[in-house]
Amino acid sequence: MLIVAGLAAGIGLGLLFGWVVWPVSYTNTTFTNLSTADKENYIVLVAAAYAADLDLHKAQSRLDWLEAPNAPQWVAELAGRYISGGRNETDIHSLAELAHALGVDTAQMAPYLGTPAPNPQQENSP
């Protein structure tokens, strides 16, 4: 019983200090503060959103938050790395389509433009 009381008191004090006494506060935090890997994950998410809604203006606006000097080229390079690395086909198609819409085309992306990759769940459906 003493262990349970001690555990409850520890959790309670931890929550009190973490949320009330010394809460975390983020200041001057922007997308530019993200690590390169996180920025690239964000680009993949922007490409997936673009594939879903085909809203190029919204995709460009989202990429502008990264404040990258040449975001369209970065999208194309990321697509190339995904292709070379044998990554997820849906992500590759999304990245290639976004890069193409942004005006950057490469020979490596050409096979991924146009028809989206089939959904593996649809292939196994009767």
N, C-alpha and C. Protein backbone atom coordinates (compact mmCIF):
# COMPACT_ATOMS: atom_id res chain seq x y z
N MET A 1 0.82 -1.20 0.00
CA MET A 1 0.00 0.00 0.00
C MET A 1 0.87 1.26 0.00
N LEU A 2 1.96 1.18 0.72
CA LEU A 2 2.88 2.31 0.79
C LEU A 2 3.50 2.60 -0.58
N ILE A 3 3.75 1.55 -1.35
CA ILE A 3 4.33 1.71 -2.69
C ILE A 3 3.34 2.43 -3.60
N VAL A 4 2.08 2.05 -3.54
CA VAL A 4 1.04 2.68 -4.37
C VAL A 4 0.90 4.15 -4.00
N ALA A 5 0.91 4.46 -2.70
CA ALA A 5 0.80 5.85 -2.26
C ALA A 5 2.01 6.66 -2.73
N GLY A 6 3.19 6.08 -2.63
CA GLY A 6 4.39 6.76 -3.09
C GLY A 6 4.38 6.99 -4.59
N LEU A 7 3.91 6.00 -5.32
CA LEU A 7 3.81 6.13 -6.77
C LEU A 7 2.81 7.21 -7.17
N ALA A 8 1.67 7.23 -6.52
CA ALA A 8 0.65 8.24 -6.80
C ALA A 8 1.16 9.64 -6.47
N ALA A 9 1.85 9.78 -5.33
CA ALA A 9 2.40 11.08 -4.95
C ALA A 9 3.46 11.53 -5.97
N GLY A 10 4.29 10.60 -6.42
CA GLY A 10 5.32 10.94 -7.40
C GLY A 10 4.72 11.40 -8.73
N ILE A 11 3.71 10.68 -9.18
CA ILE A 11 3.04 11.07 -10.43
C ILE A 11 2.37 12.43 -10.26
N GLY A 12 1.69 12.60 -9.14
CA GLY A 12 1.02 13.88 -8.89
C GLY A 12 1.98 15.04 -8.85
N LEU A 13 3.09 14.88 -8.13
CA LEU A 13 4.09 15.95 -8.07
C LEU A 13 4.72 16.19 -9.44
N GLY A 14 4.97 15.11 -10.18
CA GLY A 14 5.54 15.26 -11.52
C GLY A 14 4.62 16.06 -12.43
N LEU A 15 3.33 15.76 -12.39
CA LEU A 15 2.36 16.51 -13.20
C LEU A 15 2.26 17.96 -12.74
N LEU A 16 2.24 18.18 -11.44
CA LEU A 16 2.16 19.54 -10.91
C LEU A 16 3.36 20.38 -11.37
N PHE A 17 4.55 19.85 -11.19
CA PHE A 17 5.74 20.61 -11.60
C PHE A 17 5.84 20.75 -13.12
N GLY A 18 5.47 19.70 -13.85
CA GLY A 18 5.58 19.74 -15.31
C GLY A 18 4.56 20.63 -15.98
N TRP A 19 3.36 20.71 -15.42
CA TRP A 19 2.29 21.49 -16.08
C TRP A 19 2.05 22.86 -15.46
N VAL A 20 2.36 23.01 -14.17
CA VAL A 20 2.02 24.26 -13.50
C VAL A 20 3.27 25.06 -13.13
N VAL A 21 4.19 24.45 -12.42
CA VAL A 21 5.34 25.18 -11.89
C VAL A 21 6.35 25.52 -12.99
N TRP A 22 6.78 24.53 -13.76
CA TRP A 22 7.77 24.74 -14.83
C TRP A 22 7.27 24.19 -16.16
N PRO A 23 6.21 24.75 -16.71
CA PRO A 23 5.72 24.22 -17.99
C PRO A 23 6.67 24.56 -19.13
N VAL A 24 6.64 23.76 -20.16
CA VAL A 24 7.46 24.01 -21.34
C VAL A 24 6.84 25.17 -22.11
N SER A 25 7.67 26.09 -22.52
CA SER A 25 7.17 27.18 -23.36
C SER A 25 8.07 27.28 -24.59
N TYR A 26 7.45 27.29 -25.74
CA TYR A 26 8.18 27.38 -26.99
C TYR A 26 8.14 28.82 -27.47
N THR A 27 9.29 29.39 -27.77
CA THR A 27 9.34 30.76 -28.28
C THR A 27 10.20 30.79 -29.53
N ASN A 28 9.82 31.64 -30.44
CA ASN A 28 10.56 31.84 -31.67
C ASN A 28 10.81 30.53 -32.41
N THR A 29 9.82 29.67 -32.44
CA THR A 29 9.94 28.39 -33.10
C THR A 29 9.23 28.44 -34.44
N THR A 30 9.94 28.06 -35.49
CA THR A 30 9.36 28.05 -36.83
C THR A 30 9.74 26.75 -37.52
N PHE A 31 9.22 26.57 -38.71
CA PHE A 31 9.55 25.39 -39.50
C PHE A 31 11.04 25.34 -39.84
N THR A 32 11.67 26.50 -39.90
CA THR A 32 13.10 26.52 -40.23
C THR A 32 13.94 25.90 -39.13
N ASN A 33 13.38 25.77 -37.93
CA ASN A 33 14.11 25.16 -36.81
C ASN A 33 14.07 23.65 -36.83
N LEU A 34 13.28 23.06 -37.71
CA LEU A 34 13.20 21.61 -37.80
C LEU A 34 14.50 21.02 -38.33
N SER A 35 14.77 19.79 -37.97
CA SER A 35 15.94 19.10 -38.53
C SER A 35 15.67 18.82 -40.01
N THR A 36 16.70 18.52 -40.76
CA THR A 36 16.54 18.22 -42.18
C THR A 36 15.62 17.03 -42.38
N ALA A 37 15.76 16.00 -41.56
CA ALA A 37 14.91 14.81 -41.68
C ALA A 37 13.44 15.17 -41.43
N ASP A 38 13.19 16.02 -40.44
CA ASP A 38 11.81 16.43 -40.16
C ASP A 38 11.25 17.30 -41.29
N LYS A 39 12.10 18.15 -41.87
CA LYS A 39 11.66 18.96 -43.00
C LYS A 39 11.28 18.06 -44.18
N GLU A 40 12.07 17.02 -44.40
CA GLU A 40 11.78 16.11 -45.50
C GLU A 40 10.51 15.30 -45.23
N ASN A 41 10.30 14.91 -43.97
CA ASN A 41 9.03 14.26 -43.63
C ASN A 41 7.86 15.20 -43.88
N TYR A 42 8.04 16.47 -43.57
CA TYR A 42 7.01 17.47 -43.82
C TYR A 42 6.74 17.59 -45.32
N ILE A 43 7.78 17.58 -46.13
CA ILE A 43 7.60 17.66 -47.58
C ILE A 43 6.80 16.46 -48.08
N VAL A 44 7.07 15.28 -47.56
CA VAL A 44 6.30 14.09 -47.94
C VAL A 44 4.84 14.28 -47.57
N LEU A 45 4.56 14.86 -46.41
CA LEU A 45 3.18 15.12 -46.00
C LEU A 45 2.52 16.16 -46.90
N VAL A 46 3.26 17.18 -47.28
CA VAL A 46 2.71 18.18 -48.21
C VAL A 46 2.40 17.53 -49.55
N ALA A 47 3.27 16.65 -50.02
CA ALA A 47 3.03 15.95 -51.28
C ALA A 47 1.81 15.05 -51.19
N ALA A 48 1.63 14.38 -50.05
CA ALA A 48 0.45 13.53 -49.86
C ALA A 48 -0.83 14.37 -49.85
N ALA A 49 -0.77 15.53 -49.22
CA ALA A 49 -1.94 16.42 -49.21
C ALA A 49 -2.22 16.92 -50.63
N TYR A 50 -1.16 17.25 -51.37
CA TYR A 50 -1.35 17.69 -52.75
C TYR A 50 -1.97 16.58 -53.59
N ALA A 51 -1.53 15.35 -53.39
CA ALA A 51 -2.10 14.22 -54.14
C ALA A 51 -3.58 14.04 -53.83
N ALA A 52 -3.98 14.38 -52.62
CA ALA A 52 -5.38 14.22 -52.22
C ALA A 52 -6.27 15.34 -52.75
N ASP A 53 -5.77 16.59 -52.72
CA ASP A 53 -6.65 17.70 -53.09
C ASP A 53 -6.25 18.44 -54.37
N LEU A 54 -5.05 18.18 -54.89
CA LEU A 54 -4.52 18.82 -56.11
C LEU A 54 -4.57 20.34 -56.03
N ASP A 55 -4.41 20.88 -54.84
CA ASP A 55 -4.41 22.33 -54.63
C ASP A 55 -2.95 22.80 -54.61
N LEU A 56 -2.45 23.20 -55.77
CA LEU A 56 -1.05 23.58 -55.89
C LEU A 56 -0.74 24.83 -55.08
N HIS A 57 -1.67 25.78 -55.08
CA HIS A 57 -1.45 27.01 -54.31
C HIS A 57 -1.26 26.70 -52.83
N LYS A 58 -2.07 25.80 -52.29
CA LYS A 58 -1.95 25.42 -50.89
C LYS A 58 -0.63 24.69 -50.64
N ALA A 59 -0.24 23.82 -51.56
CA ALA A 59 1.03 23.09 -51.41
C ALA A 59 2.21 24.06 -51.43
N GLN A 60 2.18 25.03 -52.35
CA GLN A 60 3.26 26.03 -52.41
C GLN A 60 3.31 26.85 -51.13
N SER A 61 2.14 27.20 -50.62
CA SER A 61 2.08 27.96 -49.37
C SER A 61 2.67 27.16 -48.22
N ARG A 62 2.36 25.87 -48.17
CA ARG A 62 2.91 25.02 -47.12
C ARG A 62 4.42 24.87 -47.25
N LEU A 63 4.92 24.75 -48.47
CA LEU A 63 6.36 24.65 -48.68
C LEU A 63 7.07 25.96 -48.35
N ASP A 64 6.39 27.08 -48.55
CA ASP A 64 6.98 28.38 -48.22
C ASP A 64 7.30 28.50 -46.74
N TRP A 65 6.57 27.78 -45.89
CA TRP A 65 6.84 27.83 -44.45
C TRP A 65 8.23 27.32 -44.11
N LEU A 66 8.79 26.48 -44.98
CA LEU A 66 10.14 25.98 -44.74
C LEU A 66 11.21 27.03 -45.02
N GLU A 67 10.84 28.07 -45.74
CA GLU A 67 11.75 29.14 -46.12
C GLU A 67 13.00 28.60 -46.82
N ALA A 68 12.81 27.56 -47.62
CA ALA A 68 13.90 26.97 -48.39
C ALA A 68 14.12 27.79 -49.65
N PRO A 69 15.37 28.00 -50.05
CA PRO A 69 15.63 28.83 -51.23
C PRO A 69 15.08 28.24 -52.53
N ASN A 70 15.03 26.92 -52.65
CA ASN A 70 14.52 26.30 -53.87
C ASN A 70 13.74 25.04 -53.51
N ALA A 71 12.56 25.24 -52.94
CA ALA A 71 11.73 24.13 -52.48
C ALA A 71 11.36 23.17 -53.61
N PRO A 72 10.99 23.64 -54.82
CA PRO A 72 10.65 22.69 -55.88
C PRO A 72 11.80 21.72 -56.21
N GLN A 73 13.03 22.24 -56.24
CA GLN A 73 14.19 21.38 -56.49
C GLN A 73 14.38 20.38 -55.35
N TRP A 74 14.13 20.82 -54.14
CA TRP A 74 14.25 19.94 -52.97
C TRP A 74 13.24 18.80 -53.06
N VAL A 75 12.02 19.12 -53.50
CA VAL A 75 10.99 18.09 -53.66
C VAL A 75 11.45 17.06 -54.71
N ALA A 76 11.99 17.54 -55.83
CA ALA A 76 12.46 16.63 -56.88
C ALA A 76 13.62 15.78 -56.40
N GLU A 77 14.56 16.38 -55.67
CA GLU A 77 15.70 15.61 -55.15
C GLU A 77 15.23 14.56 -54.14
N LEU A 78 14.26 14.92 -53.33
CA LEU A 78 13.72 13.98 -52.36
C LEU A 78 13.01 12.83 -53.08
N ALA A 79 12.28 13.15 -54.13
CA ALA A 79 11.64 12.10 -54.93
C ALA A 79 12.70 11.16 -55.51
N GLY A 80 13.79 11.72 -56.01
CA GLY A 80 14.87 10.90 -56.55
C GLY A 80 15.49 9.98 -55.51
N ARG A 81 15.67 10.50 -54.29
CA ARG A 81 16.21 9.66 -53.22
C ARG A 81 15.23 8.57 -52.82
N TYR A 82 13.94 8.89 -52.83
CA TYR A 82 12.93 7.87 -52.51
C TYR A 82 12.92 6.79 -53.59
N ILE A 83 13.07 7.20 -54.84
CA ILE A 83 13.10 6.22 -55.94
C ILE A 83 14.33 5.33 -55.80
N SER A 84 15.50 5.95 -55.61
CA SER A 84 16.75 5.19 -55.48
C SER A 84 16.73 4.26 -54.27
N GLY A 85 16.07 4.70 -53.21
CA GLY A 85 16.04 3.91 -51.98
C GLY A 85 14.93 2.88 -51.94
N GLY A 86 14.13 2.81 -53.01
CA GLY A 86 13.05 1.83 -53.04
C GLY A 86 11.99 2.09 -51.97
N ARG A 87 11.72 3.35 -51.71
CA ARG A 87 10.77 3.71 -50.65
C ARG A 87 9.34 3.47 -51.10
N ASN A 88 8.40 3.85 -50.28
CA ASN A 88 6.98 3.66 -50.51
C ASN A 88 6.54 4.24 -51.86
N GLU A 89 5.89 3.41 -52.67
CA GLU A 89 5.47 3.84 -54.02
C GLU A 89 4.50 5.02 -53.98
N THR A 90 3.59 5.01 -53.03
CA THR A 90 2.62 6.10 -52.93
C THR A 90 3.34 7.41 -52.64
N ASP A 91 4.32 7.39 -51.74
CA ASP A 91 5.09 8.59 -51.44
C ASP A 91 5.87 9.05 -52.66
N ILE A 92 6.45 8.11 -53.40
CA ILE A 92 7.20 8.47 -54.61
C ILE A 92 6.29 9.14 -55.63
N HIS A 93 5.11 8.56 -55.86
CA HIS A 93 4.17 9.16 -56.81
C HIS A 93 3.77 10.57 -56.36
N SER A 94 3.48 10.71 -55.09
CA SER A 94 3.07 12.03 -54.58
C SER A 94 4.18 13.05 -54.74
N LEU A 95 5.41 12.67 -54.39
CA LEU A 95 6.54 13.59 -54.53
C LEU A 95 6.80 13.93 -55.99
N ALA A 96 6.74 12.93 -56.87
CA ALA A 96 6.98 13.17 -58.30
C ALA A 96 5.91 14.09 -58.87
N GLU A 97 4.66 13.86 -58.50
CA GLU A 97 3.57 14.70 -59.01
C GLU A 97 3.70 16.13 -58.51
N LEU A 98 4.07 16.30 -57.24
CA LEU A 98 4.23 17.65 -56.71
C LEU A 98 5.40 18.35 -57.38
N ALA A 99 6.52 17.67 -57.52
CA ALA A 99 7.68 18.28 -58.20
C ALA A 99 7.31 18.69 -59.62
N HIS A 100 6.59 17.81 -60.33
CA HIS A 100 6.16 18.11 -61.69
C HIS A 100 5.25 19.34 -61.71
N ALA A 101 4.31 19.40 -60.78
CA ALA A 101 3.40 20.55 -60.72
C ALA A 101 4.15 21.83 -60.39
N LEU A 102 5.24 21.70 -59.65
CA LEU A 102 6.05 22.87 -59.31
C LEU A 102 7.03 23.24 -60.42
N GLY A 103 7.05 22.46 -61.50
CA GLY A 103 7.86 22.78 -62.66
C GLY A 103 9.22 22.12 -62.72
N VAL A 104 9.44 21.09 -61.91
CA VAL A 104 10.72 20.39 -61.93
C VAL A 104 10.47 18.96 -62.36
N ASP A 105 11.09 18.56 -63.46
CA ASP A 105 10.96 17.19 -63.97
C ASP A 105 12.35 16.57 -64.11
N THR A 106 12.42 15.30 -63.80
CA THR A 106 13.66 14.56 -64.02
C THR A 106 13.30 13.27 -64.74
N ALA A 107 14.27 12.69 -65.41
CA ALA A 107 14.04 11.42 -66.10
C ALA A 107 13.72 10.32 -65.10
N GLN A 108 14.31 10.40 -63.93
CA GLN A 108 14.09 9.39 -62.91
C GLN A 108 12.63 9.40 -62.41
N MET A 109 11.99 10.56 -62.42
CA MET A 109 10.60 10.68 -61.94
C MET A 109 9.59 10.33 -63.02
N ALA A 110 9.97 10.34 -64.27
CA ALA A 110 9.01 10.17 -65.37
C ALA A 110 8.11 8.94 -65.23
N PRO A 111 8.61 7.78 -64.86
CA PRO A 111 7.72 6.61 -64.73
C PRO A 111 6.67 6.75 -63.63
N TYR A 112 6.88 7.70 -62.72
CA TYR A 112 5.97 7.85 -61.59
C TYR A 112 4.93 8.95 -61.80
N LEU A 113 4.98 9.57 -62.93
CA LEU A 113 4.01 10.63 -63.23
C LEU A 113 2.80 10.04 -63.94
N GLY A 114 1.66 10.61 -63.69
CA GLY A 114 0.45 10.15 -64.37
C GLY A 114 -0.38 9.23 -63.52
N THR A 115 -0.24 7.95 -63.72
CA THR A 115 -1.08 6.98 -63.03
C THR A 115 -0.53 6.71 -61.64
N PRO A 116 -1.36 6.88 -60.59
CA PRO A 116 -0.87 6.60 -59.25
C PRO A 116 -0.65 5.11 -59.03
N ALA A 117 0.18 4.80 -58.08
CA ALA A 117 0.45 3.40 -57.75
C ALA A 117 -0.81 2.75 -57.22
N PRO A 118 -1.06 1.50 -57.58
CA PRO A 118 -2.24 0.82 -57.06
C PRO A 118 -2.12 0.60 -55.56
N ASN A 119 -3.24 0.69 -54.89
CA ASN A 119 -3.29 0.45 -53.46
C ASN A 119 -3.16 -1.06 -53.23
N PRO A 120 -2.21 -1.51 -52.40
CA PRO A 120 -2.05 -2.95 -52.18
C PRO A 120 -3.33 -3.62 -51.68
N GLN A 121 -4.14 -2.91 -50.94
CA GLN A 121 -5.39 -3.48 -50.45
C GLN A 121 -6.37 -3.71 -51.60
N GLN A 122 -6.32 -2.84 -52.60
CA GLN A 122 -7.22 -3.00 -53.76
C GLN A 122 -6.78 -4.18 -54.64
N GLU A 123 -5.46 -4.43 -54.71
CA GLU A 123 -4.97 -5.53 -55.53
C GLU A 123 -5.43 -6.87 -54.99
N ASN A 124 -5.55 -6.99 -53.68
CA ASN A 124 -5.94 -8.25 -53.06
C ASN A 124 -7.44 -8.41 -52.93
N SER A 125 -8.19 -7.39 -53.33
CA SER A 125 -9.65 -7.46 -53.23
C SER A 125 -10.21 -8.37 -54.31
N PRO A 126 -11.30 -9.11 -53.99
CA PRO A 126 -11.89 -10.00 -55.01
C PRO A 126 -12.62 -9.23 -56.06
